[in-house]
Amino acid sequence: MPLESLTDAEFAQYQREGYVLKRGLFDEDTVSRVRERLREYTHGDRPVEGFKQQVEPEAADGSVDESDAVRKYEGLGLLDDAVVHDLATDDRIVTPARDLLGPDVKLLRSAAMFKPPHVGSEKGLHQDSAYYPVRPYDQVTTWIALDDATPANGCMEVLPGGHTDGLLEHETQDYETDIVIPEDLGEMEQLPMEAGDVLFQHSLLPHRTAANTTDHWRRAMIFMYMDARSRFTVPEDERPAWVDSVDVAGDSYPGSV
């Protein structure tokens, strides 16, 4: 068994609860390299183009500089960026994804998620599958902590076992196109993480993050993997604008996402 593989206990937990948290998967050198690259996009001279940027409302009204109010970058996996590519194809996350999905895996989504100090807003309760009409609904989202994530700065909160209820009804909220589900589904569990920890979660697992009320950034990288045979369930004009569809491991299949 490769060292990166999930243990039997981790595999069973994922099937039962919809997630597994692996501690210390990435060392400080790797985490620092990714943080520095993101800093080049937010505050440096690396062009913010070829992917989608979303900023907090404070940037729109001018009360905070846009560099200090970035909410997320979507579609980084489509760039010719070695730092992002190396992380997305790293065996430490790809091997567990293959354990859960099978040998043929593609990248569906890649994103950098930011919660800037004081202005980083909450993300309501939702399921990742609500954004991606792709069958089967069994994608694996990897959430890589680049900073320590705490309840005060917006660590992940999940509903253990909630993935077994299938895709729930969502509703569009005021801010951008956030999609949330009712808050009364059950008892949520907070998952504080240290930089370098990785959360593997089922795309149907309800989860949310609170606002960042601290003086420190809370950054994370997301890579969402799918079975290479996956298919869209809607016409082309109804599909999300940012879909990576990048081969990662194993075979590829014509007509797939």
Foldseek 3Di string as FASTA:
>chain_A
DDPLADDPVQLVQCVQFFKGKFAQLDDLVLLVVVVVVVCCDLPNDDDPDPWDWDFFVCCVVPVDPRSQTTFKTKQPLQDPDPSQVCVLQPCNPVNHQCVQANFWKWWWIKMKGKFGAQRGAKAAKAFQCVQFQKPPQWKKKKKAWSAWDDLQAWAKKWGTRQLVVPHDDWDADDDDGRIHDDPPPDDIDGDTGHHNMMMIGGRSIIMIIHHHHHNHMTMIMMIIMHHLQMAGPDDPVPGDPHTNGGTRGDDHDPRHD
